[in-house]
Amino acid sequence: MTALTAPARRGPGRPRDPEVERRLKRAALEVLAERGFSGLTLDRICERAGAPRATFYRRWASPIDAVAEAFDEAFRFETPPDTGDVVTDLVAMGQSMLRLYNDPVLGPCMSFMIAEAPVRPELVAWHQDVFPRRRAHNRAVVERAMARGEIAADTDPDLVIDVLSGLAMNNHATGRPVTDEALEFVVRRLLGL
């Protein structure tokens, strides 16, 4: 055996277990969804996740930090596979948004986060930090169609994503169904097709 590279040195403590981190993030969202920000406590999160407080604090400084990270991950919509048809791809993205907004945990979390933002500057700062990255990811379907010349070059990708998101949010708030046909109609109108 030759020594081409030195073995990696491990830092102090045990290595992080991704499963424990996943459980803590999910527990933070579940506690927020059930109890709101006033009931979002470290003890409740750790008890639900079956993890000690020290394990939590090795990852986040506060329950809000854990919620923010988990929420950001959940709302990075999967970019649909490129079918070659921008309408089909955007309808698929709209369906993903509807599923997320109507998730029994994520839907209430979103409502609490929107309601709390005016009194929690840390939520506003977090949103200003992560929103541009998440927005860039979510624009991919529209931008690739523009690059291929499928839709007009002056199409506003942000408007398309905002309208789809607004439909999903309205569906969550009112319970009014959004059918695939309605999604397709809206997408075609937005794209001028």
N, C-alpha and C. Protein backbone atom coordinates (compact mmCIF):
# COMPACT_ATOMS: atom_id res chain seq x y z
N MET A 1 0.85 -1.18 0.00
CA MET A 1 0.00 0.00 0.00
C MET A 1 0.89 1.23 0.00
N THR A 2 0.66 2.10 -0.93
CA THR A 2 1.45 3.33 -1.00
C THR A 2 0.70 4.46 -0.32
N ALA A 3 1.44 5.39 0.20
CA ALA A 3 0.84 6.52 0.92
C ALA A 3 0.71 7.70 -0.01
N LEU A 4 -0.23 7.64 -0.93
CA LEU A 4 -0.45 8.75 -1.85
C LEU A 4 -1.16 9.90 -1.16
N THR A 5 -2.08 9.56 -0.30
CA THR A 5 -2.80 10.59 0.45
C THR A 5 -2.87 10.18 1.90
N ALA A 6 -2.83 11.14 2.75
CA ALA A 6 -2.95 10.87 4.18
C ALA A 6 -4.41 10.58 4.51
N PRO A 7 -4.65 9.69 5.45
CA PRO A 7 -6.04 9.43 5.82
C PRO A 7 -6.67 10.68 6.41
N ALA A 8 -7.96 10.85 6.15
CA ALA A 8 -8.69 12.01 6.66
C ALA A 8 -8.73 11.93 8.18
N ARG A 9 -8.50 13.06 8.81
CA ARG A 9 -8.56 13.10 10.28
C ARG A 9 -9.95 13.49 10.70
N ARG A 10 -10.46 12.77 11.63
CA ARG A 10 -11.78 13.04 12.15
C ARG A 10 -11.71 14.10 13.23
N GLY A 11 -12.69 14.97 13.26
CA GLY A 11 -12.76 16.00 14.28
C GLY A 11 -13.23 15.42 15.60
N PRO A 12 -13.34 16.24 16.61
CA PRO A 12 -13.78 15.77 17.91
C PRO A 12 -15.26 15.34 17.87
N GLY A 13 -15.60 14.40 18.71
CA GLY A 13 -16.99 13.96 18.82
C GLY A 13 -17.35 12.92 17.78
N ARG A 14 -18.58 12.45 17.90
CA ARG A 14 -19.07 11.45 16.94
C ARG A 14 -19.43 12.11 15.62
N PRO A 15 -19.34 11.35 14.54
CA PRO A 15 -19.79 11.93 13.26
C PRO A 15 -21.30 12.15 13.29
N ARG A 16 -21.75 13.12 12.54
CA ARG A 16 -23.17 13.41 12.49
C ARG A 16 -23.92 12.31 11.76
N ASP A 17 -25.05 11.96 12.30
CA ASP A 17 -25.91 10.95 11.69
C ASP A 17 -26.98 11.68 10.88
N PRO A 18 -26.99 11.52 9.56
CA PRO A 18 -27.98 12.24 8.75
C PRO A 18 -29.42 11.88 9.11
N GLU A 19 -29.65 10.66 9.59
CA GLU A 19 -31.00 10.25 9.99
C GLU A 19 -31.48 11.04 11.21
N VAL A 20 -30.59 11.28 12.15
CA VAL A 20 -30.95 12.07 13.33
C VAL A 20 -31.26 13.50 12.91
N GLU A 21 -30.45 14.05 12.02
CA GLU A 21 -30.70 15.41 11.54
C GLU A 21 -32.05 15.48 10.82
N ARG A 22 -32.35 14.48 10.01
CA ARG A 22 -33.63 14.45 9.30
C ARG A 22 -34.79 14.41 10.30
N ARG A 23 -34.67 13.58 11.34
CA ARG A 23 -35.72 13.47 12.36
C ARG A 23 -35.90 14.78 13.12
N LEU A 24 -34.81 15.44 13.44
CA LEU A 24 -34.91 16.72 14.15
C LEU A 24 -35.60 17.78 13.30
N LYS A 25 -35.25 17.84 12.02
CA LYS A 25 -35.88 18.83 11.14
C LYS A 25 -37.37 18.54 10.99
N ARG A 26 -37.71 17.26 10.79
CA ARG A 26 -39.12 16.91 10.64
C ARG A 26 -39.88 17.21 11.94
N ALA A 27 -39.28 16.90 13.07
CA ALA A 27 -39.92 17.17 14.35
C ALA A 27 -40.14 18.67 14.55
N ALA A 28 -39.17 19.49 14.14
CA ALA A 28 -39.32 20.94 14.27
C ALA A 28 -40.53 21.42 13.45
N LEU A 29 -40.66 20.91 12.23
CA LEU A 29 -41.80 21.29 11.40
C LEU A 29 -43.12 20.80 12.01
N GLU A 30 -43.13 19.57 12.51
CA GLU A 30 -44.36 19.02 13.09
C GLU A 30 -44.80 19.81 14.32
N VAL A 31 -43.85 20.16 15.17
CA VAL A 31 -44.19 20.94 16.37
C VAL A 31 -44.72 22.31 15.96
N LEU A 32 -44.08 22.95 15.00
CA LEU A 32 -44.57 24.26 14.53
C LEU A 32 -45.97 24.12 13.95
N ALA A 33 -46.21 23.11 13.14
CA ALA A 33 -47.52 22.92 12.51
C ALA A 33 -48.61 22.70 13.56
N GLU A 34 -48.28 22.00 14.63
CA GLU A 34 -49.28 21.68 15.66
C GLU A 34 -49.48 22.80 16.67
N ARG A 35 -48.40 23.53 17.00
CA ARG A 35 -48.46 24.45 18.13
C ARG A 35 -48.14 25.90 17.80
N GLY A 36 -47.73 26.18 16.58
CA GLY A 36 -47.34 27.55 16.24
C GLY A 36 -46.01 27.92 16.86
N PHE A 37 -45.60 29.15 16.64
CA PHE A 37 -44.30 29.59 17.15
C PHE A 37 -44.28 29.66 18.67
N SER A 38 -45.40 29.96 19.29
CA SER A 38 -45.40 30.04 20.76
C SER A 38 -45.17 28.67 21.39
N GLY A 39 -45.49 27.60 20.68
CA GLY A 39 -45.29 26.26 21.22
C GLY A 39 -44.06 25.55 20.67
N LEU A 40 -43.28 26.25 19.87
CA LEU A 40 -42.08 25.67 19.26
C LEU A 40 -40.94 25.72 20.27
N THR A 41 -40.73 24.63 20.98
CA THR A 41 -39.67 24.60 21.99
C THR A 41 -38.66 23.51 21.66
N LEU A 42 -37.47 23.72 22.15
CA LEU A 42 -36.39 22.75 21.96
C LEU A 42 -36.77 21.41 22.57
N ASP A 43 -37.35 21.43 23.76
CA ASP A 43 -37.71 20.18 24.42
C ASP A 43 -38.73 19.38 23.60
N ARG A 44 -39.72 20.05 23.06
CA ARG A 44 -40.72 19.34 22.25
C ARG A 44 -40.10 18.74 21.00
N ILE A 45 -39.22 19.49 20.35
CA ILE A 45 -38.56 18.99 19.14
C ILE A 45 -37.71 17.76 19.47
N CYS A 46 -36.89 17.87 20.48
CA CYS A 46 -35.99 16.77 20.84
C CYS A 46 -36.76 15.54 21.31
N GLU A 47 -37.82 15.76 22.07
CA GLU A 47 -38.63 14.62 22.53
C GLU A 47 -39.25 13.90 21.33
N ARG A 48 -39.82 14.66 20.41
CA ARG A 48 -40.45 14.04 19.25
C ARG A 48 -39.43 13.32 18.38
N ALA A 49 -38.24 13.88 18.22
CA ALA A 49 -37.21 13.27 17.38
C ALA A 49 -36.45 12.16 18.09
N GLY A 50 -36.59 12.08 19.41
CA GLY A 50 -35.84 11.08 20.16
C GLY A 50 -34.35 11.38 20.16
N ALA A 51 -34.02 12.66 20.31
CA ALA A 51 -32.62 13.08 20.28
C ALA A 51 -32.35 14.02 21.45
N PRO A 52 -31.14 13.97 22.00
CA PRO A 52 -30.80 14.86 23.11
C PRO A 52 -30.59 16.31 22.65
N ARG A 53 -30.72 17.21 23.60
CA ARG A 53 -30.55 18.64 23.32
C ARG A 53 -29.17 18.95 22.72
N ALA A 54 -28.15 18.29 23.25
CA ALA A 54 -26.79 18.54 22.76
C ALA A 54 -26.68 18.21 21.27
N THR A 55 -27.36 17.16 20.85
CA THR A 55 -27.34 16.80 19.44
C THR A 55 -27.98 17.90 18.61
N PHE A 56 -29.07 18.46 19.09
CA PHE A 56 -29.72 19.57 18.40
C PHE A 56 -28.77 20.76 18.30
N TYR A 57 -28.16 21.13 19.44
CA TYR A 57 -27.30 22.32 19.46
C TYR A 57 -26.02 22.16 18.65
N ARG A 58 -25.62 20.94 18.34
CA ARG A 58 -24.47 20.77 17.45
C ARG A 58 -24.83 21.17 16.03
N ARG A 59 -26.11 21.27 15.73
CA ARG A 59 -26.56 21.57 14.37
C ARG A 59 -27.13 22.98 14.24
N TRP A 60 -27.93 23.41 15.21
CA TRP A 60 -28.62 24.69 15.12
C TRP A 60 -28.55 25.44 16.44
N ALA A 61 -28.65 26.75 16.34
CA ALA A 61 -28.61 27.59 17.54
C ALA A 61 -29.98 27.73 18.19
N SER A 62 -31.05 27.52 17.39
CA SER A 62 -32.40 27.71 17.94
C SER A 62 -33.40 26.85 17.16
N PRO A 63 -34.57 26.64 17.74
CA PRO A 63 -35.61 25.91 17.00
C PRO A 63 -35.99 26.59 15.68
N ILE A 64 -35.97 27.91 15.66
CA ILE A 64 -36.32 28.63 14.43
C ILE A 64 -35.30 28.33 13.34
N ASP A 65 -34.02 28.19 13.70
CA ASP A 65 -33.01 27.84 12.70
C ASP A 65 -33.29 26.48 12.08
N ALA A 66 -33.69 25.52 12.91
CA ALA A 66 -33.99 24.18 12.41
C ALA A 66 -35.21 24.21 11.50
N VAL A 67 -36.25 24.95 11.90
CA VAL A 67 -37.45 25.08 11.08
C VAL A 67 -37.11 25.73 9.75
N ALA A 68 -36.33 26.79 9.79
CA ALA A 68 -35.99 27.51 8.55
C ALA A 68 -35.26 26.59 7.58
N GLU A 69 -34.29 25.84 8.07
CA GLU A 69 -33.54 24.94 7.19
C GLU A 69 -34.45 23.85 6.62
N ALA A 70 -35.28 23.26 7.47
CA ALA A 70 -36.18 22.19 7.02
C ALA A 70 -37.19 22.73 6.02
N PHE A 71 -37.72 23.91 6.27
CA PHE A 71 -38.70 24.51 5.38
C PHE A 71 -38.07 24.83 4.03
N ASP A 72 -36.86 25.37 4.04
CA ASP A 72 -36.18 25.68 2.79
C ASP A 72 -35.96 24.43 1.97
N GLU A 73 -35.54 23.36 2.60
CA GLU A 73 -35.32 22.10 1.88
C GLU A 73 -36.62 21.58 1.28
N ALA A 74 -37.69 21.65 2.04
CA ALA A 74 -38.98 21.14 1.56
C ALA A 74 -39.52 21.93 0.39
N PHE A 75 -39.26 23.23 0.35
CA PHE A 75 -39.81 24.07 -0.70
C PHE A 75 -38.87 24.27 -1.89
N ARG A 76 -37.86 23.48 -1.98
CA ARG A 76 -37.06 23.43 -3.21
C ARG A 76 -37.71 22.39 -4.09
N PHE A 77 -38.66 22.85 -4.88
CA PHE A 77 -39.41 21.94 -5.72
C PHE A 77 -38.47 21.18 -6.64
N GLU A 78 -38.73 19.90 -6.77
CA GLU A 78 -37.94 19.12 -7.71
C GLU A 78 -38.18 19.68 -9.10
N THR A 79 -37.10 19.89 -9.82
CA THR A 79 -37.27 20.32 -11.20
C THR A 79 -37.77 19.12 -11.98
N PRO A 80 -38.95 19.25 -12.61
CA PRO A 80 -39.48 18.10 -13.34
C PRO A 80 -38.52 17.68 -14.45
N PRO A 81 -38.57 16.42 -14.81
CA PRO A 81 -37.73 15.98 -15.92
C PRO A 81 -38.08 16.78 -17.17
N ASP A 82 -37.11 16.99 -17.98
CA ASP A 82 -37.31 17.75 -19.22
C ASP A 82 -37.99 16.85 -20.24
N THR A 83 -39.30 17.02 -20.41
CA THR A 83 -40.04 16.20 -21.37
C THR A 83 -39.95 16.76 -22.77
N GLY A 84 -39.42 17.98 -22.88
CA GLY A 84 -39.39 18.64 -24.18
C GLY A 84 -40.63 19.48 -24.42
N ASP A 85 -41.57 19.46 -23.48
CA ASP A 85 -42.80 20.24 -23.59
C ASP A 85 -42.92 21.10 -22.33
N VAL A 86 -42.71 22.40 -22.48
CA VAL A 86 -42.70 23.29 -21.33
C VAL A 86 -44.03 23.29 -20.60
N VAL A 87 -45.14 23.15 -21.31
CA VAL A 87 -46.45 23.14 -20.65
C VAL A 87 -46.55 21.92 -19.73
N THR A 88 -46.20 20.75 -20.23
CA THR A 88 -46.23 19.53 -19.41
C THR A 88 -45.33 19.69 -18.20
N ASP A 89 -44.13 20.24 -18.41
CA ASP A 89 -43.18 20.40 -17.31
C ASP A 89 -43.69 21.38 -16.25
N LEU A 90 -44.32 22.48 -16.68
CA LEU A 90 -44.83 23.45 -15.71
C LEU A 90 -46.08 22.94 -15.00
N VAL A 91 -46.90 22.16 -15.68
CA VAL A 91 -48.04 21.54 -15.00
C VAL A 91 -47.52 20.59 -13.92
N ALA A 92 -46.48 19.83 -14.23
CA ALA A 92 -45.88 18.93 -13.24
C ALA A 92 -45.33 19.73 -12.06
N MET A 93 -44.71 20.87 -12.33
CA MET A 93 -44.20 21.71 -11.24
C MET A 93 -45.37 22.25 -10.41
N GLY A 94 -46.44 22.67 -11.06
CA GLY A 94 -47.62 23.14 -10.34
C GLY A 94 -48.21 22.05 -9.45
N GLN A 95 -48.23 20.82 -9.95
CA GLN A 95 -48.71 19.70 -9.14
C GLN A 95 -47.82 19.49 -7.91
N SER A 96 -46.52 19.64 -8.09
CA SER A 96 -45.59 19.52 -6.96
C SER A 96 -45.88 20.60 -5.92
N MET A 97 -46.13 21.82 -6.40
CA MET A 97 -46.44 22.92 -5.48
C MET A 97 -47.73 22.64 -4.73
N LEU A 98 -48.74 22.16 -5.42
CA LEU A 98 -50.01 21.84 -4.77
C LEU A 98 -49.81 20.79 -3.67
N ARG A 99 -49.02 19.77 -3.97
CA ARG A 99 -48.76 18.72 -2.96
C ARG A 99 -48.06 19.31 -1.74
N LEU A 100 -47.07 20.15 -1.96
CA LEU A 100 -46.33 20.72 -0.83
C LEU A 100 -47.21 21.65 0.00
N TYR A 101 -47.93 22.53 -0.66
CA TYR A 101 -48.76 23.49 0.07
C TYR A 101 -49.88 22.78 0.83
N ASN A 102 -50.31 21.63 0.35
CA ASN A 102 -51.38 20.91 1.02
C ASN A 102 -50.88 19.81 1.94
N ASP A 103 -49.58 19.70 2.10
CA ASP A 103 -49.02 18.75 3.05
C ASP A 103 -49.53 19.13 4.45
N PRO A 104 -49.99 18.16 5.23
CA PRO A 104 -50.57 18.48 6.55
C PRO A 104 -49.58 19.11 7.53
N VAL A 105 -48.31 19.02 7.26
CA VAL A 105 -47.32 19.67 8.12
C VAL A 105 -46.81 20.96 7.47
N LEU A 106 -46.42 20.89 6.21
CA LEU A 106 -45.83 22.06 5.56
C LEU A 106 -46.82 23.19 5.34
N GLY A 107 -48.06 22.87 5.03
CA GLY A 107 -49.08 23.91 4.81
C GLY A 107 -49.25 24.81 6.03
N PRO A 108 -49.51 24.23 7.20
CA PRO A 108 -49.62 25.07 8.40
C PRO A 108 -48.32 25.81 8.73
N CYS A 109 -47.17 25.16 8.51
CA CYS A 109 -45.89 25.84 8.77
C CYS A 109 -45.76 27.09 7.92
N MET A 110 -46.14 26.96 6.64
CA MET A 110 -46.06 28.11 5.74
C MET A 110 -46.93 29.24 6.27
N SER A 111 -48.15 28.90 6.70
CA SER A 111 -49.06 29.93 7.22
C SER A 111 -48.48 30.60 8.47
N PHE A 112 -47.92 29.81 9.38
CA PHE A 112 -47.32 30.38 10.58
C PHE A 112 -46.13 31.27 10.23
N MET A 113 -45.31 30.84 9.28
CA MET A 113 -44.12 31.62 8.93
C MET A 113 -44.52 32.95 8.30
N ILE A 114 -45.53 32.95 7.45
CA ILE A 114 -46.00 34.20 6.84
C ILE A 114 -46.56 35.12 7.92
N ALA A 115 -47.34 34.57 8.83
CA ALA A 115 -47.95 35.38 9.88
C ALA A 115 -46.93 35.94 10.86
N GLU A 116 -45.89 35.19 11.15
CA GLU A 116 -44.90 35.60 12.14
C GLU A 116 -43.81 36.52 11.60
N ALA A 117 -43.63 36.54 10.28
CA ALA A 117 -42.54 37.32 9.70
C ALA A 117 -42.51 38.78 10.17
N PRO A 118 -43.66 39.46 10.27
CA PRO A 118 -43.60 40.87 10.69
C PRO A 118 -43.04 41.09 12.10
N VAL A 119 -43.11 40.08 12.96
CA VAL A 119 -42.64 40.26 14.33
C VAL A 119 -41.36 39.48 14.63
N ARG A 120 -40.85 38.77 13.64
CA ARG A 120 -39.63 37.98 13.82
C ARG A 120 -38.62 38.37 12.73
N PRO A 121 -37.77 39.33 13.03
CA PRO A 121 -36.80 39.77 12.02
C PRO A 121 -35.89 38.66 11.53
N GLU A 122 -35.64 37.63 12.37
CA GLU A 122 -34.79 36.53 11.93
C GLU A 122 -35.43 35.74 10.79
N LEU A 123 -36.75 35.68 10.75
CA LEU A 123 -37.43 35.02 9.62
C LEU A 123 -37.28 35.84 8.34
N VAL A 124 -37.38 37.15 8.46
CA VAL A 124 -37.21 38.01 7.30
C VAL A 124 -35.78 37.89 6.78
N ALA A 125 -34.81 37.92 7.68
CA ALA A 125 -33.40 37.79 7.27
C ALA A 125 -33.15 36.44 6.60
N TRP A 126 -33.70 35.38 7.18
CA TRP A 126 -33.54 34.04 6.59
C TRP A 126 -34.15 34.02 5.20
N HIS A 127 -35.36 34.56 5.06
CA HIS A 127 -36.04 34.55 3.77
C HIS A 127 -35.23 35.32 2.72
N GLN A 128 -34.70 36.46 3.10
CA GLN A 128 -33.89 37.26 2.17
C GLN A 128 -32.62 36.54 1.76
N ASP A 129 -32.13 35.66 2.62
CA ASP A 129 -30.91 34.90 2.32
C ASP A 129 -31.20 33.73 1.38
N VAL A 130 -32.25 32.95 1.67
CA VAL A 130 -32.48 31.71 0.91
C VAL A 130 -33.38 31.89 -0.30
N PHE A 131 -34.24 32.90 -0.29
CA PHE A 131 -35.22 33.03 -1.37
C PHE A 131 -34.57 33.15 -2.75
N PRO A 132 -33.53 33.97 -2.92
CA PRO A 132 -32.94 34.07 -4.26
C PRO A 132 -32.40 32.73 -4.78
N ARG A 133 -31.80 31.94 -3.92
CA ARG A 133 -31.31 30.62 -4.36
C ARG A 133 -32.45 29.69 -4.73
N ARG A 134 -33.48 29.67 -3.89
CA ARG A 134 -34.63 28.81 -4.17
C ARG A 134 -35.33 29.28 -5.44
N ARG A 135 -35.44 30.57 -5.61
CA ARG A 135 -36.09 31.13 -6.79
C ARG A 135 -35.32 30.74 -8.05
N ALA A 136 -34.01 30.83 -8.02
CA ALA A 136 -33.20 30.46 -9.18
C ALA A 136 -33.43 29.00 -9.55
N HIS A 137 -33.52 28.13 -8.56
CA HIS A 137 -33.77 26.71 -8.82
C HIS A 137 -35.15 26.53 -9.47
N ASN A 138 -36.15 27.20 -8.94
CA ASN A 138 -37.52 27.01 -9.41
C ASN A 138 -37.76 27.61 -10.80
N ARG A 139 -36.92 28.52 -11.23
CA ARG A 139 -37.07 29.14 -12.55
C ARG A 139 -36.55 28.25 -13.69
N ALA A 140 -35.89 27.16 -13.38
CA ALA A 140 -35.18 26.36 -14.37
C ALA A 140 -36.06 25.90 -15.53
N VAL A 141 -37.29 25.48 -15.25
CA VAL A 141 -38.17 24.98 -16.31
C VAL A 141 -38.45 26.07 -17.33
N VAL A 142 -38.78 27.26 -16.85
CA VAL A 142 -39.09 28.37 -17.76
C VAL A 142 -37.85 28.80 -18.52
N GLU A 143 -36.72 28.89 -17.83
CA GLU A 143 -35.50 29.35 -18.47
C GLU A 143 -35.00 28.39 -19.55
N ARG A 144 -35.13 27.08 -19.32
CA ARG A 144 -34.67 26.15 -20.35
C ARG A 144 -35.58 26.21 -21.58
N ALA A 145 -36.88 26.47 -21.39
CA ALA A 145 -37.79 26.62 -22.53
C ALA A 145 -37.47 27.90 -23.30
N MET A 146 -37.11 28.95 -22.59
CA MET A 146 -36.71 30.20 -23.25
C MET A 146 -35.43 29.98 -24.06
N ALA A 147 -34.47 29.27 -23.47
CA ALA A 147 -33.20 29.02 -24.15
C ALA A 147 -33.39 28.22 -25.43
N ARG A 148 -34.37 27.33 -25.44
CA ARG A 148 -34.64 26.52 -26.64
C ARG A 148 -35.53 27.24 -27.64
N GLY A 149 -36.04 28.40 -27.27
CA GLY A 149 -36.91 29.14 -28.18
C GLY A 149 -38.34 28.63 -28.19
N GLU A 150 -38.73 27.81 -27.21
CA GLU A 150 -40.11 27.31 -27.14
C GLU A 150 -41.10 28.39 -26.77
N ILE A 151 -40.63 29.34 -25.97
CA ILE A 151 -41.49 30.44 -25.53
C ILE A 151 -40.73 31.75 -25.75
N ALA A 152 -41.46 32.84 -25.68
CA ALA A 152 -40.86 34.16 -25.95
C ALA A 152 -39.72 34.45 -24.99
N ALA A 153 -38.70 35.10 -25.52
CA ALA A 153 -37.52 35.43 -24.73
C ALA A 153 -37.82 36.44 -23.63
N ASP A 154 -38.92 37.19 -23.79
CA ASP A 154 -39.26 38.19 -22.77
C ASP A 154 -40.24 37.65 -21.73
N THR A 155 -40.45 36.33 -21.71
CA THR A 155 -41.29 35.72 -20.69
C THR A 155 -40.66 35.97 -19.32
N ASP A 156 -41.48 36.32 -18.36
CA ASP A 156 -40.99 36.59 -17.01
C ASP A 156 -41.06 35.30 -16.18
N PRO A 157 -39.93 34.60 -16.00
CA PRO A 157 -39.95 33.34 -15.24
C PRO A 157 -40.48 33.51 -13.82
N ASP A 158 -40.16 34.64 -13.19
CA ASP A 158 -40.63 34.86 -11.82
C ASP A 158 -42.15 34.96 -11.77
N LEU A 159 -42.75 35.62 -12.76
CA LEU A 159 -44.20 35.73 -12.79
C LEU A 159 -44.84 34.36 -12.93
N VAL A 160 -44.30 33.52 -13.79
CA VAL A 160 -44.84 32.17 -13.98
C VAL A 160 -44.80 31.40 -12.66
N ILE A 161 -43.66 31.43 -11.99
CA ILE A 161 -43.52 30.70 -10.72
C ILE A 161 -44.42 31.31 -9.65
N ASP A 162 -44.51 32.63 -9.60
CA ASP A 162 -45.37 33.28 -8.61
C ASP A 162 -46.84 32.93 -8.80
N VAL A 163 -47.29 32.88 -10.04
CA VAL A 163 -48.69 32.55 -10.29
C VAL A 163 -48.98 31.10 -9.90
N LEU A 164 -48.09 30.18 -10.28
CA LEU A 164 -48.28 28.77 -9.89
C LEU A 164 -48.29 28.63 -8.37
N SER A 165 -47.37 29.33 -7.71
CA SER A 165 -47.31 29.29 -6.26
C SER A 165 -48.57 29.90 -5.66
N GLY A 166 -49.04 30.99 -6.25
CA GLY A 166 -50.26 31.63 -5.76
C GLY A 166 -51.47 30.72 -5.89
N LEU A 167 -51.55 29.98 -7.00
CA LEU A 167 -52.64 29.01 -7.16
C LEU A 167 -52.59 27.96 -6.05
N ALA A 168 -51.39 27.47 -5.78
CA ALA A 168 -51.24 26.45 -4.74
C ALA A 168 -51.59 27.01 -3.37
N MET A 169 -51.16 28.24 -3.11
CA MET A 169 -51.45 28.86 -1.82
C MET A 169 -52.96 29.10 -1.68
N ASN A 170 -53.60 29.56 -2.75
CA ASN A 170 -55.04 29.78 -2.72
C ASN A 170 -55.78 28.45 -2.49
N ASN A 171 -55.32 27.41 -3.15
CA ASN A 171 -55.92 26.09 -2.97
C ASN A 171 -55.80 25.65 -1.51
N HIS A 172 -54.64 25.87 -0.93
CA HIS A 172 -54.42 25.52 0.48
C HIS A 172 -55.36 26.31 1.39
N ALA A 173 -55.49 27.61 1.12
CA ALA A 173 -56.28 28.47 1.99
C ALA A 173 -57.79 28.24 1.84
N THR A 174 -58.25 27.96 0.62
CA THR A 174 -59.70 27.88 0.38
C THR A 174 -60.22 26.46 0.23
N GLY A 175 -59.34 25.53 -0.10
CA GLY A 175 -59.78 24.17 -0.36
C GLY A 175 -60.38 24.00 -1.75
N ARG A 176 -60.40 25.05 -2.54
CA ARG A 176 -60.92 24.94 -3.91
C ARG A 176 -59.95 24.13 -4.74
N PRO A 177 -60.45 23.15 -5.45
CA PRO A 177 -59.55 22.30 -6.23
C PRO A 177 -58.93 23.03 -7.40
N VAL A 178 -57.71 22.62 -7.72
CA VAL A 178 -57.02 23.09 -8.92
C VAL A 178 -56.75 21.85 -9.75
N THR A 179 -57.44 21.72 -10.85
CA THR A 179 -57.30 20.54 -11.70
C THR A 179 -56.09 20.68 -12.62
N ASP A 180 -55.69 19.58 -13.20
CA ASP A 180 -54.60 19.62 -14.18
C ASP A 180 -55.00 20.49 -15.37
N GLU A 181 -56.28 20.44 -15.74
CA GLU A 181 -56.76 21.25 -16.85
C GLU A 181 -56.65 22.74 -16.52
N ALA A 182 -56.99 23.10 -15.29
CA ALA A 182 -56.87 24.50 -14.87
C ALA A 182 -55.40 24.93 -14.86
N LEU A 183 -54.53 24.06 -14.36
CA LEU A 183 -53.09 24.38 -14.38
C LEU A 183 -52.61 24.59 -15.81
N GLU A 184 -53.01 23.71 -16.70
CA GLU A 184 -52.57 23.84 -18.09
C GLU A 184 -53.10 25.13 -18.71
N PHE A 185 -54.34 25.47 -18.44
CA PHE A 185 -54.92 26.71 -18.96
C PHE A 185 -54.11 27.92 -18.49
N VAL A 186 -53.82 27.96 -17.19
CA VAL A 186 -53.07 29.08 -16.63
C VAL A 186 -51.67 29.13 -17.23
N VAL A 187 -50.99 28.00 -17.32
CA VAL A 187 -49.65 27.97 -17.89
C VAL A 187 -49.65 28.47 -19.32
N ARG A 188 -50.59 28.00 -20.13
CA ARG A 188 -50.66 28.45 -21.53
C ARG A 188 -50.89 29.95 -21.62
N ARG A 189 -51.75 30.49 -20.77
CA ARG A 189 -51.99 31.94 -20.78
C ARG A 189 -50.74 32.71 -20.39
N LEU A 190 -50.05 32.22 -19.35
CA LEU A 190 -48.83 32.90 -18.90
C LEU A 190 -47.75 32.90 -19.96
N LEU A 191 -47.69 31.82 -20.73
CA LEU A 191 -46.64 31.69 -21.74
C LEU A 191 -47.07 32.26 -23.09
N GLY A 192 -48.30 32.71 -23.18
CA GLY A 192 -48.80 33.28 -24.43
C GLY A 192 -49.00 32.21 -25.52
N LEU A 193 -49.36 31.01 -25.11
CA LEU A 193 -49.55 29.91 -26.07
C LEU A 193 -51.02 29.68 -26.35
